[in-house]
Amino acid sequence: MPLKQSVQSYLKSDGPASVVVFLVALPLCLGVAVASDAPPISGIIAGAIGGIVVGLISKSNLSVSGPAAGLTAIVATSISELESFNLFLSATIIAGVIQIILGLLRAGLLGDYIPNAVIKGMLAAIGIMLILNQIPHLIGYQGEAHISNSIIQDNLASTFKQLVQARNYTTPLCVFIGLISLLILFIGDIKHIKSLSFFKLIHPALLVVLAGIVINAYPAESMKLGSDQLITLPVFQSITGLYFETPKPDFTTVFYNQTIWITAFTIAVVATLESLLSIEAVDKLDPNKNVTPAGRELVAQGSGNIVSGLLGGLPIASVIVRSSANVMSGAKTKMSTIFHGILLLLFVLYLPEVLNKIPKASLAGILIFTGYKLAKIELFREYFRKGWNQFLPFMITILAIVFTDLLVGILIGFAAGLFFVIRSNFSAAATLSINGNQYLICFHKDATFINKGHIKQLLRKIPAQATVHIDTSRTQFIDQDIIDLIQDFTVNADQKNIRVSIIHNDKKNT
């Protein structure tokens, strides 16, 4: 693109779009950090790095990266287990290195082999966990219990105990702010409402934050929210102050701390899946229908996680909410993504006092609504209508993640999805048709040892004195096990006076 044309595109399209994305990203960055039980500044840092670093390296013109809701459970649980945010930052850096290696090995293509039911189940499970863990913050409880990526725990901070305990710490003003927040978000999600030009410029999440600030400003001093119920960001004098005063990674125990490596691997897997899913969705939204190279995207995400971890930020992934806002705002190039990151950095440097007035209940409302969008009832109905082969892997993934953890749950869900794929393939390779004494076994696709049992069952149904036609003309490949099975049947057919004819496809490989 010529320089003049590029500048014009930035001024006319990418400039306004970057402002919209910034306004969407700001509350989400803070909300994810608070939900992850991490310093709020770490969410802003991650958002800025996701915009600037990932934006510069990625080949996607429209994708926007930053702290993702899908990683909150991992972050909070890992910080609790490591008992140090600094150690967690080292795990984030290692996760970035793993992602770069995966990208260089072109492992991004592996995302194409994970069933959609498993991916959607993973996101739905994350949504359920977000809702359950943010309800206490919505009503004003600010206990020490951490968000968890498992509902079943052995400690007193379990999710359900936290919900019960929160009832005793309800703050009326928090409840009011939380309910107003949810009302704004649900109204803003109505099709006819969100199509209004106002909501294309001002995202409902930003309205939620502004409403929370205004509501908390009017009551008497004794009724206002306490400091523990508001965002608390440090005030920096300069960008060098931002660098020196934010947490830094601790590598002292990294080589023999197994939890760090497990955390790093889990972050790398989940962030990679979420990024690949988001990139695929953004490419579909792209008016120019550009296809983002998966390998290069993993290198970009990994680089972002390394820089974010070094500077005290949360893990990064490509995020569909911010990316879709970028597309709908008319962005043309990656300058929109980069400039939104710069805006986040400038805002935390020069206007932290404004951010420190945001109620945590407002952010809890945003995250509960995000959880609802990930796990809405329509999604369960959709997969139920698709049949048991889709619905069961979807539900198994959700339950496995909720009752174990994200990584184990994904592996269990993948195994379930693979089982149902094999089961479907088992019975779909060949069918038996009967017309009087004429039997037709028709192979519909490639036949391998997986189909051996099913084909055996079909052959056993052929009675004595029958004529059977075995049609293999539609296949491109037949496993030697299947060839041997047919040959054995043909040799033994004379014993039952069964006449066998085989219809071949001379072009297939056997």
Protein backbone atom coordinates (compact mmCIF):
# COMPACT_ATOMS: atom_id res chain seq x y z
CA MET A 1 0.00 0.00 0.00
CA PRO A 2 1.50 3.41 -0.96
CA LEU A 3 2.46 5.63 1.97
CA LYS A 4 -0.07 8.35 1.10
CA GLN A 5 -2.90 5.82 0.82
CA SER A 6 -1.81 4.17 4.07
CA VAL A 7 -1.87 7.50 5.94
CA GLN A 8 -5.29 8.35 4.53
CA SER A 9 -6.61 4.94 5.57
CA TYR A 10 -5.28 5.45 9.08
CA LEU A 11 -6.75 8.96 9.43
CA LYS A 12 -10.18 8.11 8.03
CA SER A 13 -10.74 4.57 9.30
CA ASP A 14 -8.11 3.29 11.71
CA GLY A 15 -8.00 6.40 13.91
CA PRO A 16 -11.69 6.39 14.90
CA ALA A 17 -11.73 2.58 15.08
CA SER A 18 -8.79 2.55 17.49
CA VAL A 19 -10.67 4.89 19.85
CA VAL A 20 -13.70 2.58 19.83
CA VAL A 21 -11.52 -0.49 20.50
CA PHE A 22 -9.73 1.39 23.30
CA LEU A 23 -13.07 2.21 24.95
CA VAL A 24 -14.11 -1.44 24.69
CA ALA A 25 -10.75 -2.80 25.88
CA LEU A 26 -10.28 -0.51 28.90
CA PRO A 27 -13.02 -1.99 31.14
CA LEU A 28 -12.31 -5.51 29.90
CA CYS A 29 -8.59 -5.27 30.70
CA LEU A 30 -9.38 -4.11 34.23
CA GLY A 31 -12.18 -6.64 34.65
CA VAL A 32 -10.07 -9.61 33.61
CA ALA A 33 -7.27 -8.52 35.95
CA VAL A 34 -9.62 -8.15 38.91
CA ALA A 35 -11.33 -11.48 38.13
CA SER A 36 -7.90 -13.11 37.92
CA ASP A 37 -6.96 -11.77 41.38
CA ALA A 38 -4.02 -10.00 39.75
CA PRO A 39 -2.95 -6.35 40.10
CA PRO A 40 -5.31 -4.21 37.94
CA ILE A 41 -2.30 -2.55 36.29
CA SER A 42 -1.30 -5.96 34.88
CA GLY A 43 -4.47 -6.00 32.78
CA ILE A 44 -3.71 -2.58 31.27
CA ILE A 45 -0.11 -3.59 30.55
CA ALA A 46 -1.30 -6.75 28.81
CA GLY A 47 -3.79 -4.76 26.74
CA ALA A 48 -1.12 -2.27 25.66
CA ILE A 49 1.36 -5.04 24.78
CA GLY A 50 -1.35 -6.98 22.96
CA GLY A 51 -2.07 -3.94 20.84
CA ILE A 52 1.48 -2.74 20.16
CA VAL A 53 3.72 -5.84 20.14
CA VAL A 54 1.27 -8.43 18.77
CA GLY A 55 -0.13 -5.82 16.37
CA LEU A 56 3.32 -5.18 14.90
CA ILE A 57 4.18 -8.88 14.41
CA SER A 58 0.83 -10.43 13.48
CA LYS A 59 -0.24 -10.72 9.83
CA SER A 60 -3.85 -10.03 10.79
CA ASN A 61 -5.03 -6.52 9.98
CA LEU A 62 -8.09 -6.64 12.21
CA SER A 63 -7.43 -8.95 15.16
CA VAL A 64 -6.96 -7.34 18.58
CA SER A 65 -5.10 -9.10 21.40
CA GLY A 66 -5.10 -8.55 25.12
CA PRO A 67 -5.95 -10.23 28.44
CA ALA A 68 -8.66 -12.81 27.75
CA ALA A 69 -11.57 -13.87 29.95
CA GLY A 70 -10.79 -17.46 29.00
CA LEU A 71 -7.52 -17.30 30.95
CA THR A 72 -8.89 -15.88 34.21
CA ALA A 73 -9.32 -19.27 35.86
CA ILE A 74 -5.77 -20.34 35.01
CA VAL A 75 -4.27 -17.05 36.16
CA ALA A 76 -6.10 -16.90 39.50
CA THR A 77 -5.52 -20.53 40.40
CA SER A 78 -1.88 -20.40 39.34
CA ILE A 79 -1.15 -17.26 41.34
CA SER A 80 -2.73 -18.94 44.37
CA GLU A 81 -0.74 -22.16 43.89
CA LEU A 82 2.54 -20.37 43.22
CA GLU A 83 1.83 -17.90 46.05
CA SER A 84 3.58 -15.24 44.00
CA PHE A 85 2.52 -13.08 41.07
CA ASN A 86 6.20 -12.68 40.18
CA LEU A 87 6.60 -16.44 39.74
CA PHE A 88 3.44 -16.45 37.64
CA LEU A 89 5.00 -13.85 35.33
CA SER A 90 7.89 -16.24 34.67
CA ALA A 91 5.34 -18.91 33.67
CA THR A 92 3.77 -16.40 31.26
CA ILE A 93 7.17 -15.84 29.61
CA ILE A 94 7.76 -19.59 29.26
CA ALA A 95 4.27 -19.94 27.75
CA GLY A 96 5.24 -17.32 25.18
CA VAL A 97 8.38 -19.28 24.29
CA ILE A 98 6.28 -22.44 23.86
CA GLN A 99 3.91 -20.57 21.55
CA ILE A 100 6.78 -19.29 19.40
CA ILE A 101 8.15 -22.85 19.09
CA LEU A 102 4.68 -24.09 18.12
CA GLY A 103 4.43 -21.32 15.54
CA LEU A 104 7.81 -22.09 14.02
CA LEU A 105 6.83 -25.78 13.85
CA ARG A 106 3.59 -24.72 12.12
CA ALA A 107 1.64 -26.40 14.88
CA GLY A 108 -1.13 -23.83 14.47
CA LEU A 109 -2.70 -26.25 12.01
CA LEU A 110 -3.42 -28.57 14.95
CA GLY A 111 -6.27 -26.25 15.88
CA ASP A 112 -8.09 -27.48 12.77
CA TYR A 113 -8.19 -30.99 14.24
CA ILE A 114 -9.86 -30.07 17.53
CA PRO A 115 -13.63 -30.63 17.28
CA ASN A 116 -15.79 -27.51 17.47
CA ALA A 117 -17.84 -29.20 20.20
CA VAL A 118 -14.73 -29.34 22.40
CA ILE A 119 -13.77 -25.70 21.72
CA LYS A 120 -17.31 -24.46 22.34
CA GLY A 121 -17.50 -26.64 25.45
CA MET A 122 -14.28 -25.10 26.74
CA LEU A 123 -15.62 -21.57 26.24
CA ALA A 124 -18.98 -22.45 27.81
CA ALA A 125 -17.23 -23.92 30.87
CA ILE A 126 -15.18 -20.74 31.20
CA GLY A 127 -18.41 -18.75 30.99
CA ILE A 128 -20.01 -20.79 33.79
CA MET A 129 -16.95 -20.30 36.01
CA LEU A 130 -16.92 -16.57 35.35
CA ILE A 131 -20.57 -16.23 36.37
CA LEU A 132 -20.23 -18.29 39.56
CA ASN A 133 -17.05 -16.56 40.68
CA GLN A 134 -18.12 -13.00 39.92
CA ILE A 135 -21.53 -13.05 41.63
CA PRO A 136 -19.94 -12.36 45.08
CA HIS A 137 -18.10 -9.31 43.67
CA LEU A 138 -21.32 -8.11 42.05
CA ILE A 139 -23.02 -7.88 45.44
CA GLY A 140 -20.04 -6.36 47.25
CA TYR A 141 -18.14 -9.27 48.79
CA GLN A 142 -14.38 -8.68 48.58
CA GLY A 143 -13.11 -11.71 50.50
CA GLU A 144 -9.77 -13.34 50.03
CA ALA A 145 -11.19 -16.29 48.09
CA HIS A 146 -9.65 -16.67 44.67
CA ILE A 147 -11.45 -17.41 41.47
CA SER A 148 -10.92 -21.05 40.62
CA ASN A 149 -10.83 -23.16 37.51
CA SER A 150 -12.49 -25.94 39.47
CA ILE A 151 -15.80 -25.89 41.33
CA ILE A 152 -14.79 -28.91 43.44
CA GLN A 153 -12.03 -27.89 45.86
CA ASP A 154 -10.95 -29.03 49.33
CA ASN A 155 -10.36 -25.54 50.74
CA LEU A 156 -12.74 -23.10 52.40
CA ALA A 157 -12.55 -20.77 49.42
CA SER A 158 -14.52 -23.12 47.16
CA THR A 159 -16.91 -21.50 44.77
CA PHE A 160 -20.15 -22.52 46.45
CA LYS A 161 -18.89 -21.69 49.92
CA GLN A 162 -17.84 -18.30 48.61
CA LEU A 163 -21.35 -17.77 47.22
CA VAL A 164 -22.92 -18.66 50.57
CA GLN A 165 -20.42 -16.56 52.51
CA ALA A 166 -21.00 -13.57 50.23
CA ARG A 167 -24.60 -13.26 51.42
CA ASN A 168 -23.35 -11.96 54.76
CA TYR A 169 -21.32 -9.20 53.13
CA THR A 170 -23.85 -7.76 50.71
CA THR A 171 -23.49 -4.03 50.02
CA PRO A 172 -26.75 -2.45 48.76
CA LEU A 173 -24.93 0.09 46.58
CA CYS A 174 -22.86 -2.68 44.96
CA VAL A 175 -26.01 -4.69 44.27
CA PHE A 176 -27.63 -1.63 42.68
CA ILE A 177 -24.56 -0.88 40.54
CA GLY A 178 -24.30 -4.53 39.56
CA LEU A 179 -27.94 -4.78 38.50
CA ILE A 180 -27.77 -1.51 36.56
CA SER A 181 -24.62 -2.81 34.86
CA LEU A 182 -26.32 -6.03 33.77
CA LEU A 183 -29.40 -4.11 32.63
CA ILE A 184 -27.27 -1.83 30.43
CA LEU A 185 -25.40 -4.78 28.94
CA PHE A 186 -28.51 -6.83 28.18
CA ILE A 187 -30.30 -3.84 26.65
CA GLY A 188 -27.20 -2.99 24.64
CA ASP A 189 -27.14 -6.54 23.29
CA ILE A 190 -30.64 -6.30 21.78
CA LYS A 191 -30.29 -6.48 18.00
CA HIS A 192 -32.18 -3.27 17.21
CA ILE A 193 -30.43 -1.37 20.00
CA LYS A 194 -26.85 -2.32 19.21
CA SER A 195 -27.36 -1.40 15.56
CA LEU A 196 -27.82 2.25 16.60
CA SER A 197 -24.92 4.51 15.65
CA PHE A 198 -24.51 5.54 19.30
CA PHE A 199 -23.69 1.99 20.39
CA LYS A 200 -21.31 1.57 17.47
CA LEU A 201 -19.24 4.40 18.93
CA ILE A 202 -19.81 3.84 22.67
CA HIS A 203 -19.69 0.19 23.73
CA PRO A 204 -22.15 -0.81 26.50
CA ALA A 205 -19.21 -1.93 28.66
CA LEU A 206 -17.97 1.66 28.74
CA LEU A 207 -21.45 2.88 29.72
CA VAL A 208 -21.39 0.38 32.58
CA VAL A 209 -18.13 1.83 33.89
CA LEU A 210 -19.37 5.42 33.57
CA ALA A 211 -22.66 4.54 35.27
CA GLY A 212 -20.80 2.92 38.16
CA ILE A 213 -18.61 5.99 38.67
CA VAL A 214 -21.61 8.35 38.58
CA ILE A 215 -23.78 6.24 40.91
CA ASN A 216 -21.01 5.99 43.50
CA ALA A 217 -20.41 9.75 43.37
CA TYR A 218 -23.87 10.80 44.60
CA PRO A 219 -24.64 8.99 47.90
CA ALA A 220 -23.58 10.41 51.25
CA GLU A 221 -19.95 9.77 52.18
CA SER A 222 -20.93 7.05 54.65
CA MET A 223 -22.80 5.14 51.92
CA LYS A 224 -20.10 5.29 49.26
CA LEU A 225 -18.13 2.21 48.36
CA GLY A 226 -14.98 1.44 50.30
CA SER A 227 -11.53 1.51 48.72
CA ASP A 228 -11.50 -2.29 48.60
CA GLN A 229 -14.61 -2.15 46.39
CA LEU A 230 -12.97 0.18 43.86
CA ILE A 231 -10.16 -0.31 41.36
CA THR A 232 -6.78 0.56 42.84
CA LEU A 233 -4.09 1.56 40.36
CA PRO A 234 -0.74 3.09 41.31
CA VAL A 235 -0.04 6.63 40.11
CA PHE A 236 3.09 6.82 37.94
CA GLN A 237 5.10 9.94 37.33
CA SER A 238 6.52 8.77 34.00
CA ILE A 239 6.82 5.78 31.69
CA THR A 240 10.10 4.86 33.44
CA GLY A 241 8.18 4.86 36.71
CA LEU A 242 5.67 2.50 35.13
CA TYR A 243 8.52 0.15 34.25
CA PHE A 244 10.32 0.21 37.60
CA GLU A 245 7.25 0.15 39.86
CA THR A 246 5.33 -2.75 38.28
CA PRO A 247 5.92 -6.42 39.24
CA LYS A 248 8.70 -8.30 37.45
CA PRO A 249 9.20 -12.04 36.81
CA ASP A 250 11.03 -14.18 39.35
CA PHE A 251 13.20 -16.90 37.75
CA THR A 252 14.88 -18.08 40.96
CA THR A 253 12.93 -21.38 41.19
CA VAL A 254 11.84 -21.80 37.59
CA PHE A 255 14.07 -24.76 36.75
CA TYR A 256 12.84 -27.05 39.52
CA ASN A 257 9.32 -25.70 40.19
CA GLN A 258 6.96 -28.13 38.48
CA THR A 259 3.93 -25.87 39.02
CA ILE A 260 5.52 -23.12 36.91
CA TRP A 261 5.98 -25.47 33.95
CA ILE A 262 2.47 -26.92 34.24
CA THR A 263 1.09 -23.37 34.40
CA ALA A 264 3.16 -22.31 31.38
CA PHE A 265 2.03 -25.28 29.31
CA THR A 266 -1.62 -24.73 30.27
CA ILE A 267 -1.44 -21.02 29.37
CA ALA A 268 0.22 -21.84 26.06
CA VAL A 269 -2.44 -24.42 25.12
CA VAL A 270 -5.49 -22.39 26.14
CA ALA A 271 -4.16 -19.07 24.79
CA THR A 272 -3.28 -20.78 21.50
CA LEU A 273 -6.73 -22.35 21.17
CA GLU A 274 -8.49 -19.09 22.00
CA SER A 275 -6.29 -17.12 19.60
CA LEU A 276 -6.76 -19.56 16.71
CA LEU A 277 -10.52 -19.60 17.30
CA SER A 278 -10.63 -15.80 17.38
CA ILE A 279 -8.45 -15.44 14.28
CA GLU A 280 -10.70 -17.82 12.34
CA ALA A 281 -13.76 -15.79 13.37
CA VAL A 282 -12.13 -12.45 12.52
CA ASP A 283 -11.06 -13.71 9.09
CA LYS A 284 -14.71 -14.52 8.41
CA LEU A 285 -15.69 -10.97 9.42
CA ASP A 286 -12.93 -9.37 7.32
CA PRO A 287 -14.51 -7.60 4.31
CA ASN A 288 -11.35 -8.36 2.30
CA LYS A 289 -11.46 -12.05 3.36
CA ASN A 290 -7.76 -12.14 4.25
CA VAL A 291 -6.52 -15.43 5.72
CA THR A 292 -4.18 -15.04 8.71
CA PRO A 293 -1.22 -17.49 8.76
CA ALA A 294 -1.66 -19.58 11.92
CA GLY A 295 2.08 -20.10 12.43
CA ARG A 296 2.88 -16.40 12.25
CA GLU A 297 0.00 -15.64 14.62
CA LEU A 298 1.39 -18.01 17.24
CA VAL A 299 4.79 -16.33 16.94
CA ALA A 300 3.09 -12.95 17.44
CA GLN A 301 1.07 -14.16 20.45
CA GLY A 302 4.13 -15.82 21.97
CA SER A 303 6.20 -12.64 21.54
CA GLY A 304 3.42 -10.66 23.19
CA ASN A 305 3.32 -13.01 26.17
CA ILE A 306 7.09 -12.81 26.61
CA VAL A 307 7.04 -8.99 26.64
CA SER A 308 3.90 -8.88 28.81
CA GLY A 309 5.46 -11.23 31.35
CA LEU A 310 8.70 -9.22 31.42
CA LEU A 311 6.78 -5.97 32.07
CA GLY A 312 4.35 -7.33 34.65
CA GLY A 313 1.34 -8.00 32.44
CA LEU A 314 -1.19 -10.83 32.21
CA PRO A 315 -1.12 -13.52 29.51
CA ILE A 316 -2.35 -12.43 26.09
CA ALA A 317 -4.59 -13.97 23.46
CA SER A 318 -6.50 -12.73 20.44
CA VAL A 319 -9.92 -11.66 21.73
CA ILE A 320 -13.07 -11.84 19.63
CA VAL A 321 -14.97 -9.06 21.49
CA ARG A 322 -12.31 -6.42 20.81
CA SER A 323 -11.57 -7.80 17.33
CA SER A 324 -15.21 -7.71 16.24
CA ALA A 325 -15.53 -4.16 17.60
CA ASN A 326 -12.48 -3.26 15.49
CA VAL A 327 -14.07 -4.74 12.36
CA MET A 328 -17.46 -3.13 12.94
CA SER A 329 -15.79 0.24 13.53
CA GLY A 330 -14.36 0.20 10.00
CA ALA A 331 -10.69 -0.51 10.69
CA LYS A 332 -8.62 -1.18 7.57
CA THR A 333 -5.09 -1.86 8.81
CA LYS A 334 -3.29 -3.01 11.95
CA MET A 335 -2.65 0.65 12.89
CA SER A 336 -6.00 0.59 14.69
CA THR A 337 -4.81 -2.27 16.92
CA ILE A 338 -1.44 -0.63 17.57
CA PHE A 339 -2.87 2.78 18.39
CA HIS A 340 -5.45 1.34 20.79
CA GLY A 341 -2.52 -0.14 22.73
CA ILE A 342 -0.82 3.25 22.82
CA LEU A 343 -4.05 4.84 24.12
CA LEU A 344 -4.23 2.28 26.96
CA LEU A 345 -0.64 3.10 27.92
CA LEU A 346 -1.24 6.86 27.86
CA PHE A 347 -4.45 6.55 29.87
CA VAL A 348 -2.84 4.62 32.73
CA LEU A 349 0.07 7.08 32.78
CA TYR A 350 -1.89 10.31 32.81
CA LEU A 351 -5.43 9.51 34.02
CA PRO A 352 -5.12 6.79 36.71
CA GLU A 353 -7.30 8.82 39.08
CA VAL A 354 -10.27 8.25 36.75
CA LEU A 355 -9.68 4.49 36.67
CA ASN A 356 -9.47 4.37 40.47
CA LYS A 357 -13.09 5.52 40.69
CA ILE A 358 -14.42 2.43 38.88
CA PRO A 359 -16.44 0.09 41.16
CA LYS A 360 -15.46 -3.57 41.05
CA ALA A 361 -19.19 -4.37 40.89
CA SER A 362 -19.29 -2.72 37.45
CA LEU A 363 -16.47 -4.94 36.21
CA ALA A 364 -18.14 -7.99 37.78
CA GLY A 365 -21.27 -7.15 35.78
CA ILE A 366 -19.23 -7.01 32.58
CA LEU A 367 -17.62 -10.37 33.31
CA ILE A 368 -20.90 -12.04 34.27
CA PHE A 369 -22.38 -10.84 30.99
CA THR A 370 -19.29 -12.14 29.18
CA GLY A 371 -19.83 -15.50 30.88
CA TYR A 372 -23.47 -15.49 29.81
CA LYS A 373 -22.46 -14.86 26.19
CA LEU A 374 -20.04 -17.79 26.34
CA ALA A 375 -22.49 -20.18 27.98
CA LYS A 376 -25.93 -19.01 26.86
CA ILE A 377 -28.82 -21.48 26.73
CA GLU A 378 -29.08 -21.21 22.93
CA LEU A 379 -25.64 -22.81 22.63
CA PHE A 380 -26.79 -25.88 24.59
CA ARG A 381 -29.92 -26.12 22.46
CA GLU A 382 -27.89 -25.81 19.28
CA TYR A 383 -25.63 -28.72 20.18
CA PHE A 384 -28.56 -30.82 21.41
CA ARG A 385 -30.21 -30.38 18.02
CA LYS A 386 -27.00 -31.49 16.30
CA GLY A 387 -27.32 -34.95 17.84
CA TRP A 388 -25.60 -37.01 20.50
CA ASN A 389 -22.33 -37.22 18.55
CA GLN A 390 -21.98 -33.44 19.04
CA PHE A 391 -23.91 -32.85 22.26
CA LEU A 392 -22.14 -35.45 24.42
CA PRO A 393 -18.55 -34.29 23.65
CA PHE A 394 -19.76 -30.71 24.26
CA MET A 395 -21.25 -31.58 27.67
CA ILE A 396 -18.39 -33.90 28.65
CA THR A 397 -15.90 -31.09 27.97
CA ILE A 398 -17.90 -28.64 30.12
CA LEU A 399 -18.27 -31.05 33.04
CA ALA A 400 -14.64 -32.21 32.82
CA ILE A 401 -13.33 -28.64 32.94
CA VAL A 402 -15.66 -27.57 35.74
CA PHE A 403 -14.92 -30.59 37.94
CA THR A 404 -11.18 -30.91 37.20
CA ASP A 405 -9.28 -28.07 35.53
CA LEU A 406 -8.95 -26.49 32.11
CA LEU A 407 -6.08 -28.54 30.73
CA VAL A 408 -7.35 -31.93 31.98
CA GLY A 409 -10.87 -30.99 30.90
CA ILE A 410 -9.73 -30.13 27.37
CA LEU A 411 -7.87 -33.45 27.09
CA ILE A 412 -10.92 -35.37 28.32
CA GLY A 413 -13.15 -33.44 25.92
CA PHE A 414 -10.78 -34.13 23.03
CA ALA A 415 -10.78 -37.85 23.88
CA ALA A 416 -14.58 -37.81 23.97
CA GLY A 417 -14.75 -36.01 20.64
CA LEU A 418 -12.31 -38.47 19.10
CA PHE A 419 -14.35 -41.40 20.43
CA PHE A 420 -17.54 -40.14 18.79
CA VAL A 421 -15.73 -39.41 15.52
CA ILE A 422 -14.43 -42.99 15.48
CA ARG A 423 -17.86 -44.28 16.46
CA SER A 424 -19.51 -42.33 13.64
CA ASN A 425 -16.86 -43.45 11.16
CA PHE A 426 -17.26 -47.03 12.39
CA SER A 427 -20.78 -47.38 11.05
CA ALA A 428 -20.72 -44.97 8.11
CA ALA A 429 -18.09 -46.64 5.95
CA ALA A 430 -20.42 -49.31 4.49
CA THR A 431 -24.14 -50.12 4.29
CA LEU A 432 -26.16 -53.23 3.42
CA SER A 433 -29.14 -53.16 1.03
CA ILE A 434 -31.45 -56.14 0.44
CA ASN A 435 -33.66 -56.86 -2.58
CA GLY A 436 -35.11 -60.35 -2.40
CA ASN A 437 -32.18 -62.73 -2.55
CA GLN A 438 -29.84 -59.99 -3.77
CA TYR A 439 -27.57 -58.33 -1.20
CA LEU A 440 -25.51 -55.19 -1.85
CA ILE A 441 -22.70 -54.06 0.46
CA CYS A 442 -21.72 -50.58 -0.64
CA PHE A 443 -18.58 -48.86 0.63
CA HIS A 444 -19.22 -45.10 0.88
CA LYS A 445 -15.74 -43.90 1.82
CA ASP A 446 -12.28 -45.09 2.76
CA ALA A 447 -12.28 -48.26 4.85
CA THR A 448 -9.68 -48.93 7.54
CA PHE A 449 -9.21 -51.35 10.43
CA ILE A 450 -11.55 -49.09 12.46
CA ASN A 451 -14.43 -50.28 10.26
CA LYS A 452 -13.47 -53.95 10.43
CA GLY A 453 -15.98 -54.92 13.13
CA HIS A 454 -18.89 -53.20 11.39
CA ILE A 455 -18.11 -54.81 8.02
CA LYS A 456 -17.85 -58.20 9.73
CA GLN A 457 -21.38 -57.70 11.09
CA LEU A 458 -22.69 -56.90 7.59
CA LEU A 459 -21.07 -59.99 6.07
CA ARG A 460 -22.56 -62.22 8.78
CA LYS A 461 -26.04 -61.13 7.70
CA ILE A 462 -25.61 -62.74 4.26
CA PRO A 463 -27.62 -66.00 4.31
CA ALA A 464 -26.90 -69.23 2.40
CA GLN A 465 -27.95 -69.40 -1.28
CA ALA A 466 -27.75 -65.58 -1.56
CA THR A 467 -26.05 -63.41 -4.13
CA VAL A 468 -23.95 -60.59 -2.73
CA HIS A 469 -22.41 -57.66 -4.59
CA ILE A 470 -19.57 -55.83 -2.82
CA ASP A 471 -19.21 -52.36 -4.31
CA THR A 472 -15.86 -50.69 -3.50
CA SER A 473 -15.86 -48.32 -6.47
CA ARG A 474 -16.48 -45.20 -4.33
CA THR A 475 -13.43 -45.65 -2.13
CA GLN A 476 -9.96 -44.22 -2.69
CA PHE A 477 -8.29 -46.40 -0.08
CA ILE A 478 -9.05 -49.77 1.50
CA ASP A 479 -6.92 -50.99 4.40
CA GLN A 480 -5.24 -54.40 4.00
CA ASP A 481 -7.27 -55.66 6.98
CA ILE A 482 -10.49 -55.01 5.03
CA ILE A 483 -9.07 -56.62 1.88
CA ASP A 484 -8.17 -59.74 3.87
CA LEU A 485 -11.65 -59.79 5.41
CA ILE A 486 -13.36 -59.69 2.00
CA GLN A 487 -11.02 -62.30 0.57
CA ASP A 488 -11.70 -64.69 3.50
CA PHE A 489 -15.43 -64.21 3.02
CA THR A 490 -15.13 -64.91 -0.71
CA VAL A 491 -13.08 -68.08 -0.16
CA ASN A 492 -15.57 -69.46 2.39
CA ALA A 493 -18.69 -68.37 0.47
CA ASP A 494 -18.85 -71.64 -1.52
CA GLN A 495 -19.60 -73.54 1.67
CA LYS A 496 -22.98 -71.73 1.88
CA ASN A 497 -23.54 -71.50 -1.88
CA ILE A 498 -23.16 -67.73 -1.69
CA ARG A 499 -22.32 -66.09 -5.00
CA VAL A 500 -19.98 -63.09 -4.63
CA SER A 501 -19.21 -60.33 -7.12
CA ILE A 502 -16.90 -57.42 -6.38
CA ILE A 503 -17.16 -54.04 -8.11
CA HIS A 504 -13.71 -52.46 -8.14
CA ASN A 505 -12.38 -48.96 -8.64
CA ASP A 506 -9.15 -49.51 -10.55
CA LYS A 507 -7.78 -46.08 -9.52
CA LYS A 508 -7.87 -46.64 -5.76
CA ASN A 509 -4.82 -47.45 -3.62
CA THR A 510 -4.95 -50.70 -1.68
